[in-house]
Amino acid sequence: MTETAPSSQWQTFPVTPDRFEDFADVINPTRREPHCWCLSHRLRAKDIKELGGDRATVMRKLCERENPPGVLTYHEGKPVGWCSVGPRAEIPLLAASKLIRPVDEVQVWSIICIVVRSGHRRQGVTARLLEGAVKYAASRGAPAIEAHPVDPPGRMDTTMAFVGTKAMFELAGFNVIGTTDAVASRMPRLIMRREL
């Protein structure tokens, strides 16, 4: 089991405009436009076009909103993890999804993506990141927070690891409340919720 550093060495913050470069260091260190900017599971193509078209510019604009699109976790001052989280109603692709439908009328916040910076995996980042995402959602009045991970029999295919695993979310206090019609790496995606 990996030892974790004292909590004073860890901090998590919403990705406001002043933290955009730290976000990019985690998600897209080479700043390539076609590379991931954590928009493809959040916004429709028409939304991206309406917000400026350039993916980095669009993500910067999302960071200016009342509810920034996620949180960054820092270890000893260095950004090491990203969690895309926000009100489901503010995530157009998820809100309109026919595969990941709401289970009830609760105005949940949803986790779309989790990324741990290369060179920092297996060091306890995910636990701190999810703890920070939960605190962020709670601070904004979210009644509950959901995720849609998979339950792999072994190691997760790295291309789909951004959805997370059942075990990872169970450790963060989430419970399975249903399944979706969506799949990742040919595995069904679950609905896991933590009441706040």
N, C-alpha and C. Protein backbone atom coordinates (compact mmCIF):
# COMPACT_ATOMS: atom_id res chain seq x y z
N MET A 1 0.83 -1.18 0.00
CA MET A 1 0.00 0.00 0.00
C MET A 1 0.88 1.25 0.00
N THR A 2 0.50 2.23 -0.82
CA THR A 2 1.27 3.46 -0.94
C THR A 2 1.04 4.35 0.27
N GLU A 3 2.12 4.85 0.84
CA GLU A 3 1.97 5.81 1.94
C GLU A 3 1.63 7.16 1.35
N THR A 4 0.75 7.89 2.03
CA THR A 4 0.42 9.23 1.55
C THR A 4 1.10 10.26 2.43
N ALA A 5 1.41 11.39 1.83
CA ALA A 5 2.06 12.47 2.56
C ALA A 5 1.06 13.14 3.48
N PRO A 6 1.55 13.86 4.48
CA PRO A 6 0.63 14.58 5.36
C PRO A 6 -0.27 15.51 4.56
N SER A 7 -1.50 15.72 5.05
CA SER A 7 -2.47 16.51 4.30
C SER A 7 -2.02 17.94 4.07
N SER A 8 -1.11 18.46 4.90
CA SER A 8 -0.63 19.82 4.70
C SER A 8 0.14 19.97 3.40
N GLN A 9 0.62 18.85 2.84
CA GLN A 9 1.35 18.89 1.58
C GLN A 9 0.42 18.82 0.37
N TRP A 10 -0.87 18.62 0.62
CA TRP A 10 -1.86 18.50 -0.44
C TRP A 10 -2.85 19.66 -0.37
N GLN A 11 -3.20 20.20 -1.53
CA GLN A 11 -4.23 21.24 -1.61
C GLN A 11 -5.02 21.02 -2.89
N THR A 12 -6.30 21.35 -2.83
CA THR A 12 -7.16 21.24 -4.02
C THR A 12 -7.93 22.54 -4.18
N PHE A 13 -7.97 23.04 -5.43
CA PHE A 13 -8.63 24.31 -5.72
C PHE A 13 -9.45 24.19 -7.01
N PRO A 14 -10.54 24.98 -7.12
CA PRO A 14 -11.24 25.08 -8.41
C PRO A 14 -10.29 25.65 -9.46
N VAL A 15 -10.47 25.23 -10.71
CA VAL A 15 -9.59 25.70 -11.78
C VAL A 15 -10.10 27.04 -12.32
N THR A 16 -9.78 28.09 -11.58
CA THR A 16 -10.11 29.46 -11.96
C THR A 16 -9.10 29.93 -13.02
N PRO A 17 -9.35 31.07 -13.70
CA PRO A 17 -8.44 31.52 -14.76
C PRO A 17 -6.98 31.59 -14.34
N ASP A 18 -6.70 32.00 -13.10
CA ASP A 18 -5.31 32.10 -12.65
C ASP A 18 -4.64 30.73 -12.49
N ARG A 19 -5.43 29.66 -12.55
CA ARG A 19 -4.87 28.31 -12.44
C ARG A 19 -4.92 27.56 -13.79
N PHE A 20 -5.25 28.27 -14.85
CA PHE A 20 -5.40 27.60 -16.15
C PHE A 20 -4.11 26.93 -16.60
N GLU A 21 -2.98 27.59 -16.45
CA GLU A 21 -1.71 27.00 -16.90
C GLU A 21 -1.39 25.75 -16.10
N ASP A 22 -1.74 25.74 -14.81
CA ASP A 22 -1.53 24.53 -14.01
C ASP A 22 -2.42 23.40 -14.52
N PHE A 23 -3.68 23.72 -14.87
CA PHE A 23 -4.58 22.74 -15.48
C PHE A 23 -3.95 22.16 -16.74
N ALA A 24 -3.45 23.06 -17.62
CA ALA A 24 -2.85 22.61 -18.88
C ALA A 24 -1.62 21.74 -18.63
N ASP A 25 -0.85 22.05 -17.60
CA ASP A 25 0.32 21.22 -17.28
C ASP A 25 -0.07 19.78 -16.95
N VAL A 26 -1.25 19.60 -16.36
CA VAL A 26 -1.73 18.26 -16.01
C VAL A 26 -2.35 17.58 -17.22
N ILE A 27 -3.24 18.27 -17.90
CA ILE A 27 -4.06 17.63 -18.93
C ILE A 27 -3.42 17.64 -20.32
N ASN A 28 -2.64 18.67 -20.63
CA ASN A 28 -2.10 18.83 -21.98
C ASN A 28 -0.76 19.57 -21.91
N PRO A 29 0.26 18.94 -21.35
CA PRO A 29 1.53 19.64 -21.10
C PRO A 29 2.19 20.21 -22.35
N THR A 30 1.93 19.65 -23.52
CA THR A 30 2.54 20.17 -24.75
C THR A 30 1.69 21.26 -25.40
N ARG A 31 0.50 21.50 -24.86
CA ARG A 31 -0.42 22.55 -25.32
C ARG A 31 -0.85 22.36 -26.78
N ARG A 32 -0.92 21.10 -27.21
CA ARG A 32 -1.36 20.83 -28.59
C ARG A 32 -2.87 21.02 -28.70
N GLU A 33 -3.29 21.74 -29.70
CA GLU A 33 -4.72 22.03 -29.89
C GLU A 33 -5.56 20.76 -30.07
N PRO A 34 -5.14 19.78 -30.90
CA PRO A 34 -6.01 18.61 -31.08
C PRO A 34 -5.99 17.65 -29.90
N HIS A 35 -5.03 17.83 -28.98
CA HIS A 35 -4.94 16.96 -27.80
C HIS A 35 -6.10 17.29 -26.85
N CYS A 36 -6.29 16.48 -25.85
CA CYS A 36 -7.41 16.66 -24.92
C CYS A 36 -7.33 17.97 -24.15
N TRP A 37 -8.45 18.69 -24.12
CA TRP A 37 -8.63 19.86 -23.26
C TRP A 37 -9.82 19.63 -22.34
N CYS A 38 -10.22 18.37 -22.20
CA CYS A 38 -11.32 17.96 -21.32
C CYS A 38 -12.63 18.62 -21.71
N LEU A 39 -12.88 18.68 -23.00
CA LEU A 39 -14.13 19.26 -23.50
C LEU A 39 -15.01 18.24 -24.21
N SER A 40 -14.41 17.18 -24.77
CA SER A 40 -15.17 16.27 -25.63
C SER A 40 -16.28 15.53 -24.90
N HIS A 41 -16.19 15.39 -23.58
CA HIS A 41 -17.26 14.73 -22.83
C HIS A 41 -18.12 15.74 -22.09
N ARG A 42 -17.86 17.02 -22.31
CA ARG A 42 -18.57 18.09 -21.63
C ARG A 42 -19.47 18.88 -22.58
N LEU A 43 -18.90 19.31 -23.71
CA LEU A 43 -19.62 20.20 -24.62
C LEU A 43 -19.85 19.58 -25.98
N ARG A 44 -20.96 19.96 -26.59
CA ARG A 44 -21.22 19.57 -27.97
C ARG A 44 -20.35 20.42 -28.90
N ALA A 45 -20.12 19.94 -30.11
CA ALA A 45 -19.30 20.67 -31.08
C ALA A 45 -19.85 22.08 -31.29
N LYS A 46 -21.17 22.22 -31.34
CA LYS A 46 -21.75 23.56 -31.56
C LYS A 46 -21.49 24.48 -30.38
N ASP A 47 -21.45 23.92 -29.15
CA ASP A 47 -21.14 24.74 -27.98
C ASP A 47 -19.69 25.23 -28.05
N ILE A 48 -18.79 24.35 -28.47
CA ILE A 48 -17.38 24.72 -28.59
C ILE A 48 -17.23 25.82 -29.63
N LYS A 49 -17.92 25.69 -30.73
CA LYS A 49 -17.85 26.70 -31.79
C LYS A 49 -18.39 28.04 -31.29
N GLU A 50 -19.51 28.02 -30.60
CA GLU A 50 -20.12 29.26 -30.08
C GLU A 50 -19.21 29.96 -29.07
N LEU A 51 -18.41 29.19 -28.35
CA LEU A 51 -17.53 29.77 -27.34
C LEU A 51 -16.16 30.17 -27.88
N GLY A 52 -15.96 30.03 -29.18
CA GLY A 52 -14.71 30.50 -29.78
C GLY A 52 -14.02 29.51 -30.68
N GLY A 53 -14.37 28.23 -30.59
CA GLY A 53 -13.80 27.23 -31.50
C GLY A 53 -12.47 26.66 -31.07
N ASP A 54 -11.53 27.49 -30.66
CA ASP A 54 -10.23 27.01 -30.19
C ASP A 54 -10.42 26.38 -28.82
N ARG A 55 -10.05 25.12 -28.69
CA ARG A 55 -10.36 24.35 -27.48
C ARG A 55 -9.72 24.93 -26.22
N ALA A 56 -8.50 25.39 -26.30
CA ALA A 56 -7.86 25.99 -25.13
C ALA A 56 -8.60 27.26 -24.72
N THR A 57 -8.99 28.07 -25.69
CA THR A 57 -9.74 29.31 -25.41
C THR A 57 -11.07 28.99 -24.76
N VAL A 58 -11.75 27.97 -25.27
CA VAL A 58 -13.04 27.57 -24.72
C VAL A 58 -12.89 27.13 -23.27
N MET A 59 -11.87 26.33 -22.99
CA MET A 59 -11.67 25.88 -21.62
C MET A 59 -11.35 27.05 -20.70
N ARG A 60 -10.58 28.01 -21.20
CA ARG A 60 -10.31 29.22 -20.40
C ARG A 60 -11.61 29.93 -20.05
N LYS A 61 -12.52 30.00 -21.01
CA LYS A 61 -13.81 30.67 -20.76
C LYS A 61 -14.63 29.93 -19.72
N LEU A 62 -14.57 28.60 -19.74
CA LEU A 62 -15.30 27.83 -18.73
C LEU A 62 -14.73 28.10 -17.33
N CYS A 63 -13.43 28.35 -17.26
CA CYS A 63 -12.80 28.63 -15.97
C CYS A 63 -13.27 29.96 -15.38
N GLU A 64 -13.84 30.83 -16.20
CA GLU A 64 -14.32 32.14 -15.76
C GLU A 64 -15.74 32.07 -15.21
N ARG A 65 -16.42 30.97 -15.38
CA ARG A 65 -17.82 30.85 -14.95
C ARG A 65 -17.95 30.77 -13.44
N GLU A 66 -19.18 30.98 -12.98
CA GLU A 66 -19.46 30.92 -11.54
C GLU A 66 -19.02 29.59 -10.95
N ASN A 67 -19.29 28.51 -11.68
CA ASN A 67 -18.84 27.18 -11.28
C ASN A 67 -17.74 26.74 -12.24
N PRO A 68 -16.46 26.97 -11.90
CA PRO A 68 -15.39 26.49 -12.77
C PRO A 68 -15.56 24.99 -13.03
N PRO A 69 -15.03 24.50 -14.15
CA PRO A 69 -15.33 23.13 -14.59
C PRO A 69 -14.62 22.00 -13.88
N GLY A 70 -13.98 22.27 -12.77
CA GLY A 70 -13.33 21.18 -12.05
C GLY A 70 -12.33 21.68 -11.04
N VAL A 71 -11.57 20.74 -10.52
CA VAL A 71 -10.58 21.06 -9.49
C VAL A 71 -9.21 20.50 -9.84
N LEU A 72 -8.20 21.17 -9.32
CA LEU A 72 -6.82 20.73 -9.44
C LEU A 72 -6.31 20.37 -8.06
N THR A 73 -5.59 19.27 -7.98
CA THR A 73 -4.94 18.91 -6.73
C THR A 73 -3.44 19.14 -6.89
N TYR A 74 -2.88 19.75 -5.86
CA TYR A 74 -1.46 20.07 -5.81
C TYR A 74 -0.79 19.25 -4.72
N HIS A 75 0.41 18.80 -4.99
CA HIS A 75 1.23 18.15 -3.97
C HIS A 75 2.52 18.95 -3.86
N GLU A 76 2.75 19.48 -2.68
CA GLU A 76 3.92 20.32 -2.43
C GLU A 76 4.01 21.45 -3.45
N GLY A 77 2.86 22.03 -3.78
CA GLY A 77 2.81 23.19 -4.67
C GLY A 77 2.77 22.88 -6.15
N LYS A 78 2.89 21.61 -6.53
CA LYS A 78 2.90 21.24 -7.95
C LYS A 78 1.56 20.63 -8.33
N PRO A 79 0.95 21.09 -9.46
CA PRO A 79 -0.32 20.51 -9.88
C PRO A 79 -0.12 19.07 -10.35
N VAL A 80 -0.83 18.13 -9.72
CA VAL A 80 -0.62 16.71 -10.02
C VAL A 80 -1.89 15.97 -10.43
N GLY A 81 -3.06 16.60 -10.30
CA GLY A 81 -4.29 15.90 -10.66
C GLY A 81 -5.40 16.85 -11.06
N TRP A 82 -6.27 16.38 -11.93
CA TRP A 82 -7.40 17.14 -12.44
C TRP A 82 -8.66 16.29 -12.33
N CYS A 83 -9.74 16.90 -11.87
CA CYS A 83 -11.04 16.25 -11.84
C CYS A 83 -12.07 17.19 -12.45
N SER A 84 -12.65 16.78 -13.56
CA SER A 84 -13.72 17.55 -14.20
C SER A 84 -15.00 17.25 -13.45
N VAL A 85 -15.55 18.27 -12.79
CA VAL A 85 -16.75 18.09 -11.98
C VAL A 85 -17.58 19.37 -12.02
N GLY A 86 -18.89 19.19 -12.07
CA GLY A 86 -19.78 20.34 -12.06
C GLY A 86 -21.22 19.90 -12.03
N PRO A 87 -22.14 20.86 -11.93
CA PRO A 87 -23.56 20.51 -11.94
C PRO A 87 -23.91 19.79 -13.25
N ARG A 88 -24.58 18.67 -13.14
CA ARG A 88 -24.98 17.93 -14.34
C ARG A 88 -25.68 18.84 -15.34
N ALA A 89 -26.52 19.73 -14.84
CA ALA A 89 -27.29 20.63 -15.70
C ALA A 89 -26.38 21.58 -16.50
N GLU A 90 -25.14 21.79 -16.06
CA GLU A 90 -24.21 22.68 -16.76
C GLU A 90 -23.25 21.92 -17.67
N ILE A 91 -23.49 20.63 -17.85
CA ILE A 91 -22.65 19.80 -18.71
C ILE A 91 -23.54 19.31 -19.86
N PRO A 92 -23.63 20.08 -20.95
CA PRO A 92 -24.60 19.78 -22.00
C PRO A 92 -24.61 18.35 -22.52
N LEU A 93 -23.44 17.77 -22.77
CA LEU A 93 -23.42 16.40 -23.30
C LEU A 93 -23.99 15.40 -22.30
N LEU A 94 -23.68 15.58 -21.05
CA LEU A 94 -24.19 14.67 -20.03
C LEU A 94 -25.68 14.90 -19.79
N ALA A 95 -26.08 16.16 -19.74
CA ALA A 95 -27.49 16.48 -19.51
C ALA A 95 -28.39 15.91 -20.60
N ALA A 96 -27.86 15.84 -21.83
CA ALA A 96 -28.65 15.34 -22.96
C ALA A 96 -28.42 13.86 -23.25
N SER A 97 -27.57 13.20 -22.47
CA SER A 97 -27.19 11.81 -22.76
C SER A 97 -28.38 10.86 -22.67
N LYS A 98 -28.50 10.00 -23.67
CA LYS A 98 -29.50 8.94 -23.66
C LYS A 98 -28.93 7.67 -23.03
N LEU A 99 -27.60 7.64 -22.82
CA LEU A 99 -26.94 6.47 -22.26
C LEU A 99 -26.70 6.58 -20.76
N ILE A 100 -26.51 7.81 -20.29
CA ILE A 100 -26.30 8.05 -18.86
C ILE A 100 -27.43 8.97 -18.40
N ARG A 101 -28.54 8.35 -18.08
CA ARG A 101 -29.74 9.13 -17.71
C ARG A 101 -29.80 9.35 -16.21
N PRO A 102 -30.45 10.44 -15.78
CA PRO A 102 -30.63 10.66 -14.33
C PRO A 102 -31.47 9.54 -13.72
N VAL A 103 -31.17 9.20 -12.48
CA VAL A 103 -31.95 8.16 -11.80
C VAL A 103 -33.11 8.76 -11.00
N ASP A 104 -33.03 10.07 -10.74
CA ASP A 104 -34.09 10.75 -9.99
C ASP A 104 -34.00 12.25 -10.26
N GLU A 105 -34.71 13.03 -9.47
CA GLU A 105 -34.77 14.48 -9.68
C GLU A 105 -33.70 15.25 -8.90
N VAL A 106 -32.85 14.57 -8.16
CA VAL A 106 -31.80 15.26 -7.38
C VAL A 106 -30.89 16.02 -8.34
N GLN A 107 -30.61 17.27 -8.02
CA GLN A 107 -29.76 18.12 -8.86
C GLN A 107 -28.29 17.83 -8.57
N VAL A 108 -27.84 16.66 -9.02
CA VAL A 108 -26.50 16.19 -8.71
C VAL A 108 -25.42 16.98 -9.44
N TRP A 109 -24.24 16.94 -8.87
CA TRP A 109 -23.03 17.32 -9.57
C TRP A 109 -22.43 16.03 -10.11
N SER A 110 -21.74 16.12 -11.24
CA SER A 110 -21.20 14.92 -11.88
C SER A 110 -19.71 15.04 -12.13
N ILE A 111 -19.03 13.94 -11.88
CA ILE A 111 -17.60 13.82 -12.21
C ILE A 111 -17.53 13.17 -13.58
N ILE A 112 -16.87 13.84 -14.50
CA ILE A 112 -16.75 13.32 -15.86
C ILE A 112 -15.40 12.65 -16.09
N CYS A 113 -14.37 13.22 -15.49
CA CYS A 113 -13.01 12.82 -15.86
C CYS A 113 -12.08 12.99 -14.67
N ILE A 114 -11.12 12.07 -14.56
CA ILE A 114 -10.07 12.15 -13.56
C ILE A 114 -8.74 11.89 -14.27
N VAL A 115 -7.80 12.80 -14.06
CA VAL A 115 -6.47 12.64 -14.68
C VAL A 115 -5.41 12.88 -13.61
N VAL A 116 -4.48 11.95 -13.52
CA VAL A 116 -3.31 12.12 -12.65
C VAL A 116 -2.12 12.36 -13.57
N ARG A 117 -1.40 13.40 -13.26
CA ARG A 117 -0.26 13.81 -14.09
C ARG A 117 0.78 12.70 -14.19
N SER A 118 1.33 12.54 -15.37
CA SER A 118 2.36 11.54 -15.59
C SER A 118 3.50 11.76 -14.59
N GLY A 119 3.98 10.66 -14.03
CA GLY A 119 5.05 10.72 -13.04
C GLY A 119 4.54 10.82 -11.61
N HIS A 120 3.21 10.91 -11.44
CA HIS A 120 2.64 11.06 -10.10
C HIS A 120 1.59 9.99 -9.79
N ARG A 121 1.51 8.99 -10.64
CA ARG A 121 0.52 7.94 -10.41
C ARG A 121 0.98 7.01 -9.30
N ARG A 122 0.01 6.37 -8.64
CA ARG A 122 0.27 5.43 -7.54
C ARG A 122 0.94 6.12 -6.34
N GLN A 123 0.56 7.38 -6.13
CA GLN A 123 1.12 8.13 -5.00
C GLN A 123 0.02 8.74 -4.13
N GLY A 124 -1.21 8.26 -4.28
CA GLY A 124 -2.30 8.77 -3.46
C GLY A 124 -3.00 10.00 -4.01
N VAL A 125 -2.69 10.38 -5.25
CA VAL A 125 -3.28 11.58 -5.83
C VAL A 125 -4.79 11.44 -5.99
N THR A 126 -5.25 10.30 -6.48
CA THR A 126 -6.67 10.13 -6.76
C THR A 126 -7.53 10.32 -5.51
N ALA A 127 -7.11 9.77 -4.40
CA ALA A 127 -7.88 9.92 -3.17
C ALA A 127 -8.00 11.39 -2.78
N ARG A 128 -6.90 12.13 -2.87
CA ARG A 128 -6.91 13.57 -2.53
C ARG A 128 -7.75 14.34 -3.54
N LEU A 129 -7.67 13.96 -4.79
CA LEU A 129 -8.41 14.62 -5.86
C LEU A 129 -9.92 14.46 -5.67
N LEU A 130 -10.35 13.22 -5.39
CA LEU A 130 -11.78 12.99 -5.18
C LEU A 130 -12.28 13.68 -3.91
N GLU A 131 -11.47 13.67 -2.87
CA GLU A 131 -11.82 14.37 -1.64
C GLU A 131 -12.02 15.87 -1.94
N GLY A 132 -11.12 16.43 -2.73
CA GLY A 132 -11.23 17.83 -3.11
C GLY A 132 -12.44 18.12 -3.97
N ALA A 133 -12.76 17.21 -4.89
CA ALA A 133 -13.94 17.40 -5.75
C ALA A 133 -15.22 17.37 -4.93
N VAL A 134 -15.29 16.46 -3.96
CA VAL A 134 -16.45 16.37 -3.08
C VAL A 134 -16.60 17.65 -2.26
N LYS A 135 -15.51 18.14 -1.70
CA LYS A 135 -15.56 19.37 -0.90
C LYS A 135 -15.97 20.56 -1.75
N TYR A 136 -15.46 20.62 -2.97
CA TYR A 136 -15.82 21.70 -3.89
C TYR A 136 -17.32 21.68 -4.18
N ALA A 137 -17.85 20.52 -4.54
CA ALA A 137 -19.29 20.41 -4.84
C ALA A 137 -20.12 20.78 -3.61
N ALA A 138 -19.71 20.31 -2.44
CA ALA A 138 -20.44 20.62 -1.21
C ALA A 138 -20.41 22.12 -0.92
N SER A 139 -19.27 22.76 -1.18
CA SER A 139 -19.14 24.20 -0.92
C SER A 139 -20.04 25.03 -1.82
N ARG A 140 -20.44 24.45 -2.96
CA ARG A 140 -21.32 25.14 -3.91
C ARG A 140 -22.78 24.73 -3.72
N GLY A 141 -23.06 23.97 -2.67
CA GLY A 141 -24.45 23.62 -2.36
C GLY A 141 -24.98 22.38 -3.05
N ALA A 142 -24.10 21.57 -3.63
CA ALA A 142 -24.56 20.34 -4.29
C ALA A 142 -25.17 19.39 -3.27
N PRO A 143 -26.34 18.80 -3.55
CA PRO A 143 -26.93 17.84 -2.61
C PRO A 143 -26.28 16.46 -2.70
N ALA A 144 -25.67 16.18 -3.85
CA ALA A 144 -25.04 14.88 -4.06
C ALA A 144 -24.08 15.01 -5.23
N ILE A 145 -23.14 14.07 -5.30
CA ILE A 145 -22.18 14.05 -6.40
C ILE A 145 -22.15 12.64 -6.96
N GLU A 146 -22.10 12.55 -8.29
CA GLU A 146 -22.12 11.24 -8.96
C GLU A 146 -20.91 11.06 -9.86
N ALA A 147 -20.62 9.80 -10.14
CA ALA A 147 -19.58 9.42 -11.09
C ALA A 147 -20.09 8.21 -11.87
N HIS A 148 -19.45 7.91 -12.98
CA HIS A 148 -19.89 6.82 -13.85
C HIS A 148 -18.70 5.94 -14.24
N PRO A 149 -18.12 5.29 -13.24
CA PRO A 149 -16.93 4.46 -13.48
C PRO A 149 -17.29 3.06 -13.97
N VAL A 150 -16.24 2.26 -14.15
CA VAL A 150 -16.40 0.85 -14.51
C VAL A 150 -15.83 0.01 -13.38
N ASP A 151 -16.07 -1.29 -13.46
CA ASP A 151 -15.57 -2.22 -12.45
C ASP A 151 -14.71 -3.27 -13.16
N PRO A 152 -13.46 -2.92 -13.49
CA PRO A 152 -12.64 -3.86 -14.25
C PRO A 152 -12.18 -5.05 -13.41
N PRO A 153 -12.00 -6.21 -14.05
CA PRO A 153 -11.53 -7.39 -13.31
C PRO A 153 -10.05 -7.29 -12.94
N GLY A 154 -9.32 -6.44 -13.64
CA GLY A 154 -7.89 -6.25 -13.37
C GLY A 154 -7.54 -4.79 -13.58
N ARG A 155 -6.36 -4.55 -14.15
CA ARG A 155 -5.95 -3.17 -14.42
C ARG A 155 -6.81 -2.57 -15.52
N MET A 156 -7.06 -1.29 -15.40
CA MET A 156 -7.89 -0.56 -16.35
C MET A 156 -7.09 -0.20 -17.60
N ASP A 157 -7.72 -0.30 -18.75
CA ASP A 157 -7.13 0.15 -20.01
C ASP A 157 -6.86 1.65 -19.87
N THR A 158 -5.64 2.06 -20.06
CA THR A 158 -5.28 3.46 -19.81
C THR A 158 -6.01 4.45 -20.71
N THR A 159 -6.45 4.02 -21.89
CA THR A 159 -7.16 4.96 -22.77
C THR A 159 -8.52 5.35 -22.21
N MET A 160 -9.09 4.52 -21.34
CA MET A 160 -10.39 4.83 -20.76
C MET A 160 -10.31 5.05 -19.24
N ALA A 161 -9.11 5.16 -18.71
CA ALA A 161 -8.94 5.28 -17.27
C ALA A 161 -9.56 6.56 -16.71
N PHE A 162 -9.81 7.54 -17.56
CA PHE A 162 -10.37 8.81 -17.08
C PHE A 162 -11.74 8.64 -16.43
N VAL A 163 -12.45 7.56 -16.71
CA VAL A 163 -13.78 7.36 -16.10
C VAL A 163 -13.68 6.86 -14.67
N GLY A 164 -12.52 6.32 -14.29
CA GLY A 164 -12.32 5.82 -12.94
C GLY A 164 -12.87 4.42 -12.75
N THR A 165 -12.62 3.88 -11.57
CA THR A 165 -13.06 2.53 -11.25
C THR A 165 -14.00 2.54 -10.04
N LYS A 166 -14.80 1.50 -9.95
CA LYS A 166 -15.71 1.34 -8.81
C LYS A 166 -14.95 1.39 -7.50
N ALA A 167 -13.83 0.66 -7.41
CA ALA A 167 -13.05 0.61 -6.17
C ALA A 167 -12.55 1.99 -5.76
N MET A 168 -12.11 2.77 -6.72
CA MET A 168 -11.60 4.11 -6.45
C MET A 168 -12.69 4.98 -5.81
N PHE A 169 -13.90 4.90 -6.35
CA PHE A 169 -14.99 5.71 -5.83
C PHE A 169 -15.55 5.16 -4.52
N GLU A 170 -15.53 3.84 -4.35
CA GLU A 170 -15.94 3.28 -3.06
C GLU A 170 -15.05 3.79 -1.93
N LEU A 171 -13.76 3.87 -2.19
CA LEU A 171 -12.84 4.38 -1.18
C LEU A 171 -13.12 5.84 -0.83
N ALA A 172 -13.75 6.56 -1.77
CA ALA A 172 -14.09 7.97 -1.54
C ALA A 172 -15.51 8.14 -1.00
N GLY A 173 -16.16 7.03 -0.62
CA GLY A 173 -17.48 7.12 0.01
C GLY A 173 -18.66 7.10 -0.94
N PHE A 174 -18.45 6.73 -2.19
CA PHE A 174 -19.54 6.64 -3.17
C PHE A 174 -20.15 5.23 -3.11
N ASN A 175 -21.44 5.14 -3.42
CA ASN A 175 -22.15 3.86 -3.47
C ASN A 175 -22.78 3.67 -4.84
N VAL A 176 -22.82 2.43 -5.30
CA VAL A 176 -23.49 2.12 -6.57
C VAL A 176 -24.99 2.26 -6.38
N ILE A 177 -25.62 3.05 -7.25
CA ILE A 177 -27.07 3.22 -7.18
C ILE A 177 -27.75 2.79 -8.48
N GLY A 178 -26.97 2.35 -9.46
CA GLY A 178 -27.56 1.91 -10.72
C GLY A 178 -26.50 1.67 -11.77
N THR A 179 -26.95 1.38 -12.98
CA THR A 179 -26.06 1.21 -14.12
C THR A 179 -26.54 2.11 -15.24
N THR A 180 -25.66 2.33 -16.18
CA THR A 180 -25.99 3.14 -17.35
C THR A 180 -26.05 2.22 -18.57
N ASP A 181 -26.40 2.80 -19.69
CA ASP A 181 -26.32 2.07 -20.96
C ASP A 181 -25.00 2.36 -21.66
N ALA A 182 -24.14 3.14 -21.02
CA ALA A 182 -22.84 3.49 -21.58
C ALA A 182 -21.80 2.43 -21.22
N VAL A 183 -20.76 2.34 -22.04
CA VAL A 183 -19.66 1.42 -21.78
C VAL A 183 -18.34 2.16 -21.93
N ALA A 184 -17.31 1.65 -21.28
CA ALA A 184 -15.93 2.11 -21.45
C ALA A 184 -15.07 0.85 -21.44
N SER A 185 -14.22 0.71 -22.42
CA SER A 185 -13.41 -0.51 -22.58
C SER A 185 -14.29 -1.75 -22.54
N ARG A 186 -15.45 -1.67 -23.16
CA ARG A 186 -16.42 -2.77 -23.28
C ARG A 186 -17.02 -3.20 -21.93
N MET A 187 -16.87 -2.34 -20.93
CA MET A 187 -17.46 -2.63 -19.61
C MET A 187 -18.59 -1.63 -19.34
N PRO A 188 -19.67 -2.10 -18.72
CA PRO A 188 -20.76 -1.16 -18.40
C PRO A 188 -20.30 -0.12 -17.38
N ARG A 189 -20.78 1.10 -17.58
CA ARG A 189 -20.48 2.17 -16.63
C ARG A 189 -21.57 2.21 -15.56
N LEU A 190 -21.14 2.29 -14.34
CA LEU A 190 -22.05 2.30 -13.19
C LEU A 190 -22.49 3.73 -12.87
N ILE A 191 -23.50 3.85 -12.03
CA ILE A 191 -23.85 5.14 -11.45
C ILE A 191 -23.51 5.04 -9.97
N MET A 192 -22.56 5.86 -9.55
CA MET A 192 -22.16 5.87 -8.14
C MET A 192 -22.40 7.26 -7.59
N ARG A 193 -22.94 7.29 -6.37
CA ARG A 193 -23.33 8.57 -5.78
C ARG A 193 -22.82 8.69 -4.36
N ARG A 194 -22.50 9.91 -3.99
CA ARG A 194 -22.20 10.23 -2.59
C ARG A 194 -23.11 11.39 -2.21
N GLU A 195 -23.91 11.18 -1.18
CA GLU A 195 -24.78 12.24 -0.68
C GLU A 195 -23.91 13.25 0.07
N LEU A 196 -24.27 14.52 -0.06
CA LEU A 196 -23.49 15.57 0.61
C LEU A 196 -24.34 16.27 1.66
